[in-house]
Amino acid sequence: MAKESKKVNAGSRKFDAVASALAARLNLAVVQSTESVATFFGKSIQGHLVAVILRQGDAQGTFTVDLKCSDARLASSLAKEVDTLF
């Protein structure tokens, strides 16, 4: 499993808005969501599995996105996509 982690600043966006934007952009399904943590799962068209955890940071508008993927190149590409989202 390939792993990538990104710390992002989403400005004034609320956690739910960030979670929704992340799920929509990466084409992921929400598995579970609380007030400060959400987990997502998806599958690429090539069949690679993708798992993502979104955590709210200590400071307002900061988040950590942890990705695990069965393909290292896809994990790297998704991490770059997260950067463009925020």
Foldseek 3Di string as FASTA:
>chain_A
DAKDKDKDFQDQDAPVVLVVLLCVQVVWDWPDDDRFKTKTWDADPVGKIKIWMWGADPDRRIIMIMMDIPDNVVNVVSVVSSVVSD
